[in-house]
Amino acid sequence: MKKGITWWLATLLFLAGLFAAHGSLADQAKITVLNPLGQPPALKLIPMAPRLDTLDGKTIYIVDVGYPETKPFFDQMASLLSAAYPKTRWVVRNKISTYFEDDPDLWKEIKAKGSGMIIAIGH
């Protein structure tokens, strides 16, 4: 019986010593952790383009970013919009690559010849 009590007492003293040593080491061994992402730049809000007062006589581009199997959908959408708005010219254009990539030539064409744009990502 004495041997069991001595064993538990020795274990408790050992654990108490570990906790005491850990507490003093924790106070000494402080480190600074930096976020590798850094600070993002402040957001610059860009207002939406104003609405057109009418679609009559306007050219509206429908831009497809090339999501698989969307070409027939956008062609059909242009056909339906042409029937609903016969005085509006609807132009379907494919954008290079995905919506993450820039297509400056297409944007230049739309700014020069178009009155508006619908961009569709196919989902």
PDB file of N, CA and C in Angstrom:
ATOM      1  N   MET A   1       0.823  -1.182   0.000  1.00  0.00           N
ATOM      2  CA  MET A   1       0.000   0.000   0.000  1.00  0.00           C
ATOM      3  C   MET A   1       0.871   1.251   0.000  1.00  0.00           C
ATOM      4  N   LYS A   2       1.941   1.241   0.861  1.00  0.00           N
ATOM      5  CA  LYS A   2       2.840   2.376   0.923  1.00  0.00           C
ATOM      6  C   LYS A   2       3.519   2.600  -0.412  1.00  0.00           C
ATOM      7  N   LYS A   3       3.846   1.486  -1.086  1.00  0.00           N
ATOM      8  CA  LYS A   3       4.528   1.583  -2.371  1.00  0.00           C
ATOM      9  C   LYS A   3       3.628   2.258  -3.406  1.00  0.00           C
ATOM     10  N   GLY A   4       2.324   1.974  -3.422  1.00  0.00           N
ATOM     11  CA  GLY A   4       1.369   2.590  -4.352  1.00  0.00           C
ATOM     12  C   GLY A   4       1.222   4.080  -4.102  1.00  0.00           C
ATOM     13  N   ILE A   5       1.144   4.494  -2.852  1.00  0.00           N
ATOM     14  CA  ILE A   5       1.017   5.911  -2.506  1.00  0.00           C
ATOM     15  C   ILE A   5       2.294   6.646  -2.891  1.00  0.00           C
ATOM     16  N   THR A   6       3.433   6.054  -2.650  1.00  0.00           N
ATOM     17  CA  THR A   6       4.712   6.666  -2.986  1.00  0.00           C
ATOM     18  C   THR A   6       4.820   6.854  -4.502  1.00  0.00           C
ATOM     19  N   TRP A   7       4.387   5.860  -5.238  1.00  0.00           N
ATOM     20  CA  TRP A   7       4.424   5.946  -6.708  1.00  0.00           C
ATOM     21  C   TRP A   7       3.579   7.110  -7.211  1.00  0.00           C
ATOM     22  N   TRP A   8       2.347   7.241  -6.699  1.00  0.00           N
ATOM     23  CA  TRP A   8       1.466   8.334  -7.109  1.00  0.00           C
ATOM     24  C   TRP A   8       2.018   9.694  -6.675  1.00  0.00           C
ATOM     25  N   LEU A   9       2.581   9.751  -5.509  1.00  0.00           N
ATOM     26  CA  LEU A   9       3.150  10.998  -5.024  1.00  0.00           C
ATOM     27  C   LEU A   9       4.350  11.409  -5.879  1.00  0.00           C
ATOM     28  N   ALA A  10       5.172  10.458  -6.227  1.00  0.00           N
ATOM     29  CA  ALA A  10       6.336  10.748  -7.083  1.00  0.00           C
ATOM     30  C   ALA A  10       5.875  11.207  -8.468  1.00  0.00           C
ATOM     31  N   THR A  11       4.840  10.588  -8.996  1.00  0.00           N
ATOM     32  CA  THR A  11       4.309  10.963 -10.315  1.00  0.00           C
ATOM     33  C   THR A  11       3.748  12.384 -10.274  1.00  0.00           C
ATOM     34  N   LEU A  12       3.015  12.704  -9.204  1.00  0.00           N
ATOM     35  CA  LEU A  12       2.453  14.040  -9.068  1.00  0.00           C
ATOM     36  C   LEU A  12       3.549  15.092  -8.947  1.00  0.00           C
ATOM     37  N   LEU A  13       4.569  14.812  -8.179  1.00  0.00           N
ATOM     38  CA  LEU A  13       5.678  15.762  -8.043  1.00  0.00           C
ATOM     39  C   LEU A  13       6.396  15.961  -9.379  1.00  0.00           C
ATOM     40  N   PHE A  14       6.591  14.869 -10.089  1.00  0.00           N
ATOM     41  CA  PHE A  14       7.241  14.951 -11.397  1.00  0.00           C
ATOM     42  C   PHE A  14       6.420  15.809 -12.364  1.00  0.00           C
ATOM     43  N   LEU A  15       5.111  15.572 -12.420  1.00  0.00           N
ATOM     44  CA  LEU A  15       4.237  16.356 -13.301  1.00  0.00           C
ATOM     45  C   LEU A  15       4.193  17.821 -12.877  1.00  0.00           C
ATOM     46  N   ALA A  16       4.180  18.075 -11.597  1.00  0.00           N
ATOM     47  CA  ALA A  16       4.185  19.458 -11.112  1.00  0.00           C
ATOM     48  C   ALA A  16       5.471  20.153 -11.534  1.00  0.00           C
ATOM     49  N   GLY A  17       6.601  19.450 -11.443  1.00  0.00           N
ATOM     50  CA  GLY A  17       7.873  20.013 -11.890  1.00  0.00           C
ATOM     51  C   GLY A  17       7.871  20.308 -13.383  1.00  0.00           C
ATOM     52  N   LEU A  18       7.268  19.415 -14.180  1.00  0.00           N
ATOM     53  CA  LEU A  18       7.182  19.648 -15.620  1.00  0.00           C
ATOM     54  C   LEU A  18       6.341  20.888 -15.928  1.00  0.00           C
ATOM     55  N   PHE A  19       5.212  21.011 -15.258  1.00  0.00           N
ATOM     56  CA  PHE A  19       4.349  22.174 -15.490  1.00  0.00           C
ATOM     57  C   PHE A  19       5.032  23.467 -15.067  1.00  0.00           C
ATOM     58  N   ALA A  20       5.773  23.426 -13.969  1.00  0.00           N
ATOM     59  CA  ALA A  20       6.484  24.619 -13.510  1.00  0.00           C
ATOM     60  C   ALA A  20       7.577  24.995 -14.505  1.00  0.00           C
ATOM     61  N   ALA A  21       8.310  24.009 -14.986  1.00  0.00           N
ATOM     62  CA  ALA A  21       9.371  24.279 -15.970  1.00  0.00           C
ATOM     63  C   ALA A  21       8.764  24.763 -17.283  1.00  0.00           C
ATOM     64  N   HIS A  22       7.649  24.172 -17.666  1.00  0.00           N
ATOM     65  CA  HIS A  22       6.986  24.577 -18.916  1.00  0.00           C
ATOM     66  C   HIS A  22       6.511  26.020 -18.822  1.00  0.00           C
ATOM     67  N   GLY A  23       5.974  26.404 -17.692  1.00  0.00           N
ATOM     68  CA  GLY A  23       5.496  27.774 -17.511  1.00  0.00           C
ATOM     69  C   GLY A  23       6.622  28.778 -17.630  1.00  0.00           C
ATOM     70  N   SER A  24       7.764  28.497 -17.035  1.00  0.00           N
ATOM     71  CA  SER A  24       8.877  29.450 -17.125  1.00  0.00           C
ATOM     72  C   SER A  24       9.466  29.468 -18.521  1.00  0.00           C
ATOM     73  N   LEU A  25       9.523  28.334 -19.225  1.00  0.00           N
ATOM     74  CA  LEU A  25      10.023  28.297 -20.599  1.00  0.00           C
ATOM     75  C   LEU A  25       9.066  29.013 -21.545  1.00  0.00           C
ATOM     76  N   ALA A  26       7.779  28.883 -21.282  1.00  0.00           N
ATOM     77  CA  ALA A  26       6.797  29.535 -22.145  1.00  0.00           C
ATOM     78  C   ALA A  26       6.919  31.047 -22.062  1.00  0.00           C
ATOM     79  N   ASP A  27       7.251  31.558 -20.897  1.00  0.00           N
ATOM     80  CA  ASP A  27       7.431  33.005 -20.752  1.00  0.00           C
ATOM     81  C   ASP A  27       8.668  33.485 -21.502  1.00  0.00           C
ATOM     82  N   GLN A  28       9.692  32.666 -21.552  1.00  0.00           N
ATOM     83  CA  GLN A  28      10.943  33.057 -22.198  1.00  0.00           C
ATOM     84  C   GLN A  28      10.920  32.840 -23.704  1.00  0.00           C
ATOM     85  N   ALA A  29      10.220  31.834 -24.177  1.00  0.00           N
ATOM     86  CA  ALA A  29      10.295  31.438 -25.582  1.00  0.00           C
ATOM     87  C   ALA A  29       9.117  31.963 -26.391  1.00  0.00           C
ATOM     88  N   LYS A  30       8.903  33.262 -26.395  1.00  0.00           N
ATOM     89  CA  LYS A  30       7.821  33.846 -27.182  1.00  0.00           C
ATOM     90  C   LYS A  30       8.340  34.155 -28.577  1.00  0.00           C
ATOM     91  N   ILE A  31       7.511  33.891 -29.557  1.00  0.00           N
ATOM     92  CA  ILE A  31       7.859  34.192 -30.937  1.00  0.00           C
ATOM     93  C   ILE A  31       6.766  35.049 -31.554  1.00  0.00           C
ATOM     94  N   THR A  32       7.107  35.726 -32.634  1.00  0.00           N
ATOM     95  CA  THR A  32       6.138  36.524 -33.366  1.00  0.00           C
ATOM     96  C   THR A  32       5.843  35.817 -34.681  1.00  0.00           C
ATOM     97  N   VAL A  33       4.577  35.629 -34.965  1.00  0.00           N
ATOM     98  CA  VAL A  33       4.157  34.962 -36.197  1.00  0.00           C
ATOM     99  C   VAL A  33       3.558  36.008 -37.118  1.00  0.00           C
ATOM    100  N   LEU A  34       4.025  36.036 -38.365  1.00  0.00           N
ATOM    101  CA  LEU A  34       3.506  36.982 -39.343  1.00  0.00           C
ATOM    102  C   LEU A  34       2.592  36.252 -40.324  1.00  0.00           C
ATOM    103  N   ASN A  35       1.566  36.925 -40.764  1.00  0.00           N
ATOM    104  CA  ASN A  35       0.651  36.367 -41.750  1.00  0.00           C
ATOM    105  C   ASN A  35       1.323  36.452 -43.120  1.00  0.00           C
ATOM    106  N   PRO A  36       1.545  35.326 -43.811  1.00  0.00           N
ATOM    107  CA  PRO A  36       2.231  35.373 -45.108  1.00  0.00           C
ATOM    108  C   PRO A  36       1.398  36.052 -46.201  1.00  0.00           C
ATOM    109  N   LEU A  37       0.116  36.231 -45.976  1.00  0.00           N
ATOM    110  CA  LEU A  37      -0.719  36.887 -46.980  1.00  0.00           C
ATOM    111  C   LEU A  37      -0.526  38.398 -46.988  1.00  0.00           C
ATOM    112  N   GLY A  38      -0.024  38.943 -45.907  1.00  0.00           N
ATOM    113  CA  GLY A  38       0.179  40.383 -45.844  1.00  0.00           C
ATOM    114  C   GLY A  38      -1.137  41.129 -45.714  1.00  0.00           C
ATOM    115  N   GLN A  39      -1.114  42.396 -46.034  1.00  0.00           N
ATOM    116  CA  GLN A  39      -2.308  43.233 -45.963  1.00  0.00           C
ATOM    117  C   GLN A  39      -2.837  43.478 -47.366  1.00  0.00           C
ATOM    118  N   PRO A  40      -4.071  43.102 -47.636  1.00  0.00           N
ATOM    119  CA  PRO A  40      -4.617  43.363 -48.971  1.00  0.00           C
ATOM    120  C   PRO A  40      -4.823  44.857 -49.188  1.00  0.00           C
ATOM    121  N   PRO A  41      -4.725  45.291 -50.433  1.00  0.00           N
ATOM    122  CA  PRO A  41      -4.962  46.716 -50.700  1.00  0.00           C
ATOM    123  C   PRO A  41      -6.435  47.066 -50.471  1.00  0.00           C
ATOM    124  N   ALA A  42      -6.669  48.317 -50.227  1.00  0.00           N
ATOM    125  CA  ALA A  42      -8.042  48.771 -50.017  1.00  0.00           C
ATOM    126  C   ALA A  42      -8.854  48.576 -51.304  1.00  0.00           C
ATOM    127  N   LEU A  43     -10.106  48.250 -51.148  1.00  0.00           N
ATOM    128  CA  LEU A  43     -10.977  48.040 -52.303  1.00  0.00           C
ATOM    129  C   LEU A  43     -11.321  49.370 -52.955  1.00  0.00           C
ATOM    130  N   LYS A  44     -11.266  49.386 -54.268  1.00  0.00           N
ATOM    131  CA  LYS A  44     -11.675  50.569 -55.010  1.00  0.00           C
ATOM    132  C   LYS A  44     -13.034  50.250 -55.638  1.00  0.00           C
ATOM    133  N   LEU A  45     -14.048  50.954 -55.209  1.00  0.00           N
ATOM    134  CA  LEU A  45     -15.394  50.707 -55.713  1.00  0.00           C
ATOM    135  C   LEU A  45     -15.561  51.361 -57.080  1.00  0.00           C
ATOM    136  N   ILE A  46     -16.044  50.567 -58.017  1.00  0.00           N
ATOM    137  CA  ILE A  46     -16.305  51.070 -59.366  1.00  0.00           C
ATOM    138  C   ILE A  46     -17.812  51.001 -59.581  1.00  0.00           C
ATOM    139  N   PRO A  47     -18.447  52.106 -59.874  1.00  0.00           N
ATOM    140  CA  PRO A  47     -19.908  52.066 -60.035  1.00  0.00           C
ATOM    141  C   PRO A  47     -20.298  51.305 -61.299  1.00  0.00           C
ATOM    142  N   MET A  48     -21.497  50.777 -61.274  1.00  0.00           N
ATOM    143  CA  MET A  48     -22.022  50.077 -62.442  1.00  0.00           C
ATOM    144  C   MET A  48     -22.291  51.090 -63.556  1.00  0.00           C
ATOM    145  N   ALA A  49     -22.273  50.599 -64.780  1.00  0.00           N
ATOM    146  CA  ALA A  49     -22.569  51.471 -65.921  1.00  0.00           C
ATOM    147  C   ALA A  49     -24.035  51.894 -65.852  1.00  0.00           C
ATOM    148  N   PRO A  50     -24.340  53.098 -66.283  1.00  0.00           N
ATOM    149  CA  PRO A  50     -25.752  53.524 -66.269  1.00  0.00           C
ATOM    150  C   PRO A  50     -26.564  52.723 -67.278  1.00  0.00           C
ATOM    151  N   ARG A  51     -27.837  52.561 -66.987  1.00  0.00           N
ATOM    152  CA  ARG A  51     -28.737  51.845 -67.901  1.00  0.00           C
ATOM    153  C   ARG A  51     -28.972  52.651 -69.170  1.00  0.00           C
ATOM    154  N   LEU A  52     -29.173  51.930 -70.252  1.00  0.00           N
ATOM    155  CA  LEU A  52     -29.538  52.583 -71.504  1.00  0.00           C
ATOM    156  C   LEU A  52     -31.004  52.995 -71.416  1.00  0.00           C
ATOM    157  N   ASP A  53     -31.331  54.136 -71.979  1.00  0.00           N
ATOM    158  CA  ASP A  53     -32.726  54.575 -71.943  1.00  0.00           C
ATOM    159  C   ASP A  53     -33.593  53.741 -72.878  1.00  0.00           C
ATOM    160  N   THR A  54     -33.002  53.220 -73.947  1.00  0.00           N
ATOM    161  CA  THR A  54     -33.720  52.355 -74.891  1.00  0.00           C
ATOM    162  C   THR A  54     -32.725  51.419 -75.552  1.00  0.00           C
ATOM    163  N   LEU A  55     -33.235  50.302 -76.064  1.00  0.00           N
ATOM    164  CA  LEU A  55     -32.393  49.378 -76.817  1.00  0.00           C
ATOM    165  C   LEU A  55     -32.542  49.589 -78.327  1.00  0.00           C
ATOM    166  N   ASP A  56     -33.505  50.394 -78.728  1.00  0.00           N
ATOM    167  CA  ASP A  56     -33.744  50.628 -80.151  1.00  0.00           C
ATOM    168  C   ASP A  56     -32.512  51.262 -80.797  1.00  0.00           C
ATOM    169  N   GLY A  57     -32.048  50.654 -81.889  1.00  0.00           N
ATOM    170  CA  GLY A  57     -30.909  51.168 -82.633  1.00  0.00           C
ATOM    171  C   GLY A  57     -29.559  50.915 -81.969  1.00  0.00           C
ATOM    172  N   LYS A  58     -29.537  50.160 -80.911  1.00  0.00           N
ATOM    173  CA  LYS A  58     -28.294  49.894 -80.189  1.00  0.00           C
ATOM    174  C   LYS A  58     -27.701  48.550 -80.626  1.00  0.00           C
ATOM    175  N   THR A  59     -26.402  48.385 -80.374  1.00  0.00           N
ATOM    176  CA  THR A  59     -25.708  47.113 -80.594  1.00  0.00           C
ATOM    177  C   THR A  59     -25.294  46.585 -79.228  1.00  0.00           C
ATOM    178  N   ILE A  60     -25.767  45.393 -78.897  1.00  0.00           N
ATOM    179  CA  ILE A  60     -25.469  44.773 -77.615  1.00  0.00           C
ATOM    180  C   ILE A  60     -24.659  43.504 -77.881  1.00  0.00           C
ATOM    181  N   TYR A  61     -23.509  43.416 -77.241  1.00  0.00           N
ATOM    182  CA  TYR A  61     -22.653  42.247 -77.370  1.00  0.00           C
ATOM    183  C   TYR A  61     -23.010  41.215 -76.299  1.00  0.00           C
ATOM    184  N   ILE A  62     -23.045  39.967 -76.707  1.00  0.00           N
ATOM    185  CA  ILE A  62     -23.197  38.850 -75.780  1.00  0.00           C
ATOM    186  C   ILE A  62     -21.851  38.132 -75.804  1.00  0.00           C
ATOM    187  N   VAL A  63     -21.136  38.166 -74.693  1.00  0.00           N
ATOM    188  CA  VAL A  63     -19.775  37.635 -74.640  1.00  0.00           C
ATOM    189  C   VAL A  63     -19.780  36.298 -73.903  1.00  0.00           C
ATOM    190  N   ASP A  64     -19.277  35.288 -74.594  1.00  0.00           N
ATOM    191  CA  ASP A  64     -19.169  33.934 -74.051  1.00  0.00           C
ATOM    192  C   ASP A  64     -17.717  33.708 -73.649  1.00  0.00           C
ATOM    193  N   VAL A  65     -17.482  33.296 -72.393  1.00  0.00           N
ATOM    194  CA  VAL A  65     -16.115  33.065 -71.935  1.00  0.00           C
ATOM    195  C   VAL A  65     -15.619  31.665 -72.279  1.00  0.00           C
ATOM    196  N   GLY A  66     -16.403  30.908 -73.013  1.00  0.00           N
ATOM    197  CA  GLY A  66     -15.951  29.612 -73.488  1.00  0.00           C
ATOM    198  C   GLY A  66     -16.192  28.452 -72.547  1.00  0.00           C
ATOM    199  N   TYR A  67     -17.139  28.594 -71.643  1.00  0.00           N
ATOM    200  CA  TYR A  67     -17.483  27.453 -70.797  1.00  0.00           C
ATOM    201  C   TYR A  67     -18.007  26.343 -71.712  1.00  0.00           C
ATOM    202  N   PRO A  68     -17.655  25.088 -71.457  1.00  0.00           N
ATOM    203  CA  PRO A  68     -18.032  24.002 -72.382  1.00  0.00           C
ATOM    204  C   PRO A  68     -19.532  23.940 -72.681  1.00  0.00           C
ATOM    205  N   GLU A  69     -19.819  23.732 -73.949  1.00  0.00           N
ATOM    206  CA  GLU A  69     -21.189  23.505 -74.443  1.00  0.00           C
ATOM    207  C   GLU A  69     -22.119  24.698 -74.264  1.00  0.00           C
ATOM    208  N   THR A  70     -21.609  25.920 -74.241  1.00  0.00           N
ATOM    209  CA  THR A  70     -22.480  27.089 -74.073  1.00  0.00           C
ATOM    210  C   THR A  70     -22.762  27.815 -75.387  1.00  0.00           C
ATOM    211  N   LYS A  71     -21.998  27.547 -76.430  1.00  0.00           N
ATOM    212  CA  LYS A  71     -22.173  28.241 -77.715  1.00  0.00           C
ATOM    213  C   LYS A  71     -23.615  28.122 -78.225  1.00  0.00           C
ATOM    214  N   PRO A  72     -24.219  26.926 -78.279  1.00  0.00           N
ATOM    215  CA  PRO A  72     -25.613  26.849 -78.739  1.00  0.00           C
ATOM    216  C   PRO A  72     -26.583  27.661 -77.882  1.00  0.00           C
ATOM    217  N   PHE A  73     -26.318  27.705 -76.582  1.00  0.00           N
ATOM    218  CA  PHE A  73     -27.185  28.466 -75.686  1.00  0.00           C
ATOM    219  C   PHE A  73     -27.138  29.957 -76.019  1.00  0.00           C
ATOM    220  N   PHE A  74     -25.932  30.506 -76.211  1.00  0.00           N
ATOM    221  CA  PHE A  74     -25.803  31.934 -76.482  1.00  0.00           C
ATOM    222  C   PHE A  74     -26.313  32.291 -77.875  1.00  0.00           C
ATOM    223  N   ASP A  75     -26.154  31.377 -78.837  1.00  0.00           N
ATOM    224  CA  ASP A  75     -26.730  31.615 -80.155  1.00  0.00           C
ATOM    225  C   ASP A  75     -28.253  31.669 -80.064  1.00  0.00           C
ATOM    226  N   GLN A  76     -28.830  30.749 -79.315  1.00  0.00           N
ATOM    227  CA  GLN A  76     -30.281  30.731 -79.129  1.00  0.00           C
ATOM    228  C   GLN A  76     -30.742  31.975 -78.365  1.00  0.00           C
ATOM    229  N   MET A  77     -29.972  32.401 -77.368  1.00  0.00           N
ATOM    230  CA  MET A  77     -30.323  33.593 -76.612  1.00  0.00           C
ATOM    231  C   MET A  77     -30.328  34.820 -77.531  1.00  0.00           C
ATOM    232  N   ALA A  78     -29.339  34.929 -78.410  1.00  0.00           N
ATOM    233  CA  ALA A  78     -29.290  36.050 -79.351  1.00  0.00           C
ATOM    234  C   ALA A  78     -30.485  36.004 -80.296  1.00  0.00           C
ATOM    235  N   SER A  79     -30.852  34.808 -80.723  1.00  0.00           N
ATOM    236  CA  SER A  79     -32.002  34.655 -81.610  1.00  0.00           C
ATOM    237  C   SER A  79     -33.303  35.095 -80.913  1.00  0.00           C
ATOM    238  N   LEU A  80     -33.488  34.674 -79.685  1.00  0.00           N
ATOM    239  CA  LEU A  80     -34.689  35.043 -78.930  1.00  0.00           C
ATOM    240  C   LEU A  80     -34.723  36.545 -78.636  1.00  0.00           C
ATOM    241  N   LEU A  81     -33.568  37.119 -78.295  1.00  0.00           N
ATOM    242  CA  LEU A  81     -33.519  38.558 -78.032  1.00  0.00           C
ATOM    243  C   LEU A  81     -33.766  39.358 -79.305  1.00  0.00           C
ATOM    244  N   SER A  82     -33.287  38.850 -80.437  1.00  0.00           N
ATOM    245  CA  SER A  82     -33.541  39.524 -81.725  1.00  0.00           C
ATOM    246  C   SER A  82     -35.030  39.541 -82.046  1.00  0.00           C
ATOM    247  N   ALA A  83     -35.709  38.441 -81.719  1.00  0.00           N
ATOM    248  CA  ALA A  83     -37.155  38.383 -81.959  1.00  0.00           C
ATOM    249  C   ALA A  83     -37.900  39.330 -81.005  1.00  0.00           C
ATOM    250  N   ALA A  84     -37.442  39.422 -79.764  1.00  0.00           N
ATOM    251  CA  ALA A  84     -38.113  40.272 -78.782  1.00  0.00           C
ATOM    252  C   ALA A  84     -37.786  41.751 -78.985  1.00  0.00           C
ATOM    253  N   TYR A  85     -36.580  42.048 -79.474  1.00  0.00           N
ATOM    254  CA  TYR A  85     -36.124  43.426 -79.685  1.00  0.00           C
ATOM    255  C   TYR A  85     -35.590  43.556 -81.118  1.00  0.00           C
ATOM    256  N   PRO A  86     -36.485  43.637 -82.105  1.00  0.00           N
ATOM    257  CA  PRO A  86     -36.054  43.621 -83.505  1.00  0.00           C
ATOM    258  C   PRO A  86     -35.256  44.854 -83.929  1.00  0.00           C
ATOM    259  N   LYS A  87     -35.347  45.948 -83.201  1.00  0.00           N
ATOM    260  CA  LYS A  87     -34.615  47.163 -83.568  1.00  0.00           C
ATOM    261  C   LYS A  87     -33.209  47.209 -82.940  1.00  0.00           C
ATOM    262  N   THR A  88     -32.836  46.129 -82.260  1.00  0.00           N
ATOM    263  CA  THR A  88     -31.529  46.046 -81.590  1.00  0.00           C
ATOM    264  C   THR A  88     -30.679  45.006 -82.302  1.00  0.00           C
ATOM    265  N   ARG A  89     -29.405  45.306 -82.460  1.00  0.00           N
ATOM    266  CA  ARG A  89     -28.466  44.367 -83.069  1.00  0.00           C
ATOM    267  C   ARG A  89     -27.774  43.599 -81.948  1.00  0.00           C
ATOM    268  N   TRP A  90     -27.824  42.274 -81.999  1.00  0.00           N
ATOM    269  CA  TRP A  90     -27.230  41.416 -80.984  1.00  0.00           C
ATOM    270  C   TRP A  90     -26.035  40.707 -81.598  1.00  0.00           C
ATOM    271  N   VAL A  91     -24.871  40.818 -80.987  1.00  0.00           N
ATOM    272  CA  VAL A  91     -23.637  40.234 -81.516  1.00  0.00           C
ATOM    273  C   VAL A  91     -23.064  39.278 -80.474  1.00  0.00           C
ATOM    274  N   VAL A  92     -22.865  38.012 -80.879  1.00  0.00           N
ATOM    275  CA  VAL A  92     -22.268  37.021 -79.983  1.00  0.00           C
ATOM    276  C   VAL A  92     -20.775  36.956 -80.284  1.00  0.00           C
ATOM    277  N   ARG A  93     -19.942  37.118 -79.250  1.00  0.00           N
ATOM    278  CA  ARG A  93     -18.491  37.044 -79.395  1.00  0.00           C
ATOM    279  C   ARG A  93     -17.929  36.094 -78.338  1.00  0.00           C
ATOM    280  N   ASN A  94     -16.889  35.377 -78.732  1.00  0.00           N
ATOM    281  CA  ASN A  94     -16.190  34.505 -77.792  1.00  0.00           C
ATOM    282  C   ASN A  94     -14.993  35.252 -77.221  1.00  0.00           C
ATOM    283  N   LYS A  95     -14.860  35.209 -75.926  1.00  0.00           N
ATOM    284  CA  LYS A  95     -13.718  35.830 -75.256  1.00  0.00           C
ATOM    285  C   LYS A  95     -12.576  34.826 -75.240  1.00  0.00           C
ATOM    286  N   ILE A  96     -11.334  35.341 -75.339  1.00  0.00           N
ATOM    287  CA  ILE A  96     -10.206  34.418 -75.261  1.00  0.00           C
ATOM    288  C   ILE A  96     -10.088  33.899 -73.828  1.00  0.00           C
ATOM    289  N   SER A  97      -9.792  32.645 -73.686  1.00  0.00           N
ATOM    290  CA  SER A  97      -9.544  32.003 -72.403  1.00  0.00           C
ATOM    291  C   SER A  97     -10.758  32.117 -71.478  1.00  0.00           C
ATOM    292  N   THR A  98     -10.510  32.170 -70.175  1.00  0.00           N
ATOM    293  CA  THR A  98     -11.590  32.191 -69.182  1.00  0.00           C
ATOM    294  C   THR A  98     -11.883  33.619 -68.744  1.00  0.00           C
ATOM    295  N   TYR A  99     -12.834  33.767 -67.832  1.00  0.00           N
ATOM    296  CA  TYR A  99     -13.169  35.108 -67.358  1.00  0.00           C
ATOM    297  C   TYR A  99     -12.091  35.669 -66.446  1.00  0.00           C
ATOM    298  N   PHE A 100     -11.069  34.873 -66.094  1.00  0.00           N
ATOM    299  CA  PHE A 100      -9.946  35.385 -65.306  1.00  0.00           C
ATOM    300  C   PHE A 100      -8.934  36.130 -66.173  1.00  0.00           C
ATOM    301  N   GLU A 101      -8.932  35.844 -67.468  1.00  0.00           N
ATOM    302  CA  GLU A 101      -7.960  36.443 -68.380  1.00  0.00           C
ATOM    303  C   GLU A 101      -8.545  37.688 -69.044  1.00  0.00           C
ATOM    304  N   ASP A 102      -7.688  38.624 -69.355  1.00  0.00           N
ATOM    305  CA  ASP A 102      -8.111  39.856 -70.012  1.00  0.00           C
ATOM    306  C   ASP A 102      -8.160  39.639 -71.523  1.00  0.00           C
ATOM    307  N   ASP A 103      -9.018  40.364 -72.204  1.00  0.00           N
ATOM    308  CA  ASP A 103      -9.128  40.321 -73.662  1.00  0.00           C
ATOM    309  C   ASP A 103      -9.238  41.757 -74.171  1.00  0.00           C
ATOM    310  N   PRO A 104      -8.128  42.503 -74.188  1.00  0.00           N
ATOM    311  CA  PRO A 104      -8.195  43.933 -74.516  1.00  0.00           C
ATOM    312  C   PRO A 104      -8.737  44.224 -75.910  1.00  0.00           C
ATOM    313  N   ASP A 105      -8.467  43.360 -76.891  1.00  0.00           N
ATOM    314  CA  ASP A 105      -8.984  43.594 -78.246  1.00  0.00           C
ATOM    315  C   ASP A 105     -10.510  43.527 -78.272  1.00  0.00           C
ATOM    316  N   LEU A 106     -11.075  42.569 -77.564  1.00  0.00           N
ATOM    317  CA  LEU A 106     -12.535  42.451 -77.512  1.00  0.00           C
ATOM    318  C   LEU A 106     -13.140  43.657 -76.801  1.00  0.00           C
ATOM    319  N   TRP A 107     -12.549  44.071 -75.678  1.00  0.00           N
ATOM    320  CA  TRP A 107     -13.086  45.228 -74.950  1.00  0.00           C
ATOM    321  C   TRP A 107     -13.008  46.488 -75.810  1.00  0.00           C
ATOM    322  N   LYS A 108     -11.922  46.614 -76.592  1.00  0.00           N
ATOM    323  CA  LYS A 108     -11.771  47.776 -77.476  1.00  0.00           C
ATOM    324  C   LYS A 108     -12.864  47.768 -78.549  1.00  0.00           C
ATOM    325  N   GLU A 109     -13.144  46.584 -79.111  1.00  0.00           N
ATOM    326  CA  GLU A 109     -14.197  46.467 -80.123  1.00  0.00           C
ATOM    327  C   GLU A 109     -15.564  46.828 -79.542  1.00  0.00           C
ATOM    328  N   ILE A 110     -15.844  46.331 -78.342  1.00  0.00           N
ATOM    329  CA  ILE A 110     -17.140  46.600 -77.718  1.00  0.00           C
ATOM    330  C   ILE A 110     -17.284  48.086 -77.409  1.00  0.00           C
ATOM    331  N   LYS A 111     -16.229  48.724 -76.931  1.00  0.00           N
ATOM    332  CA  LYS A 111     -16.292  50.164 -76.635  1.00  0.00           C
ATOM    333  C   LYS A 111     -16.490  50.978 -77.908  1.00  0.00           C
ATOM    334  N   ALA A 112     -15.871  50.521 -79.018  1.00  0.00           N
ATOM    335  CA  ALA A 112     -15.964  51.277 -80.273  1.00  0.00           C
ATOM    336  C   ALA A 112     -17.300  51.059 -80.984  1.00  0.00           C
ATOM    337  N   LYS A 113     -17.795  49.825 -80.997  1.00  0.00           N
ATOM    338  CA  LYS A 113     -18.966  49.500 -81.813  1.00  0.00           C
ATOM    339  C   LYS A 113     -20.230  49.195 -81.021  1.00  0.00           C
ATOM    340  N   GLY A 114     -20.106  48.936 -79.746  1.00  0.00           N
ATOM    341  CA  GLY A 114     -21.253  48.488 -78.979  1.00  0.00           C
ATOM    342  C   GLY A 114     -21.821  49.555 -78.070  1.00  0.00           C
ATOM    343  N   SER A 115     -23.070  49.320 -77.673  1.00  0.00           N
ATOM    344  CA  SER A 115     -23.751  50.205 -76.714  1.00  0.00           C
ATOM    345  C   SER A 115     -23.853  49.550 -75.343  1.00  0.00           C
ATOM    346  N   GLY A 116     -23.674  48.238 -75.314  1.00  0.00           N
ATOM    347  CA  GLY A 116     -23.780  47.500 -74.055  1.00  0.00           C
ATOM    348  C   GLY A 116     -23.248  46.093 -74.237  1.00  0.00           C
ATOM    349  N   MET A 117     -23.168  45.376 -73.137  1.00  0.00           N
ATOM    350  CA  MET A 117     -22.609  44.029 -73.175  1.00  0.00           C
ATOM    351  C   MET A 117     -23.268  43.162 -72.118  1.00  0.00           C
ATOM    352  N   ILE A 118     -23.459  41.911 -72.470  1.00  0.00           N
ATOM    353  CA  ILE A 118     -23.874  40.877 -71.523  1.00  0.00           C
ATOM    354  C   ILE A 118     -22.744  39.877 -71.521  1.00  0.00           C
ATOM    355  N   ILE A 119     -22.120  39.635 -70.375  1.00  0.00           N
ATOM    356  CA  ILE A 119     -21.076  38.627 -70.312  1.00  0.00           C
ATOM    357  C   ILE A 119     -21.635  37.447 -69.521  1.00  0.00           C
ATOM    358  N   ALA A 120     -21.458  36.275 -70.068  1.00  0.00           N
ATOM    359  CA  ALA A 120     -22.029  35.087 -69.473  1.00  0.00           C
ATOM    360  C   ALA A 120     -20.939  34.062 -69.253  1.00  0.00           C
ATOM    361  N   ILE A 121     -20.898  33.496 -68.064  1.00  0.00           N
ATOM    362  CA  ILE A 121     -19.853  32.543 -67.756  1.00  0.00           C
ATOM    363  C   ILE A 121     -20.323  31.101 -67.930  1.00  0.00           C
ATOM    364  N   GLY A 122     -21.568  30.883 -68.262  1.00  0.00           N
ATOM    365  CA  GLY A 122     -22.038  29.545 -68.624  1.00  0.00           C
ATOM    366  C   GLY A 122     -22.500  28.665 -67.499  1.00  0.00           C
ATOM    367  N   HIS A 123     -22.685  29.174 -66.317  1.00  0.00           N
ATOM    368  CA  HIS A 123     -23.143  28.314 -65.219  1.00  0.00           C
ATOM    369  C   HIS A 123     -24.625  28.491 -65.015  1.00  0.00           C
TER     370      HIS A 123
END
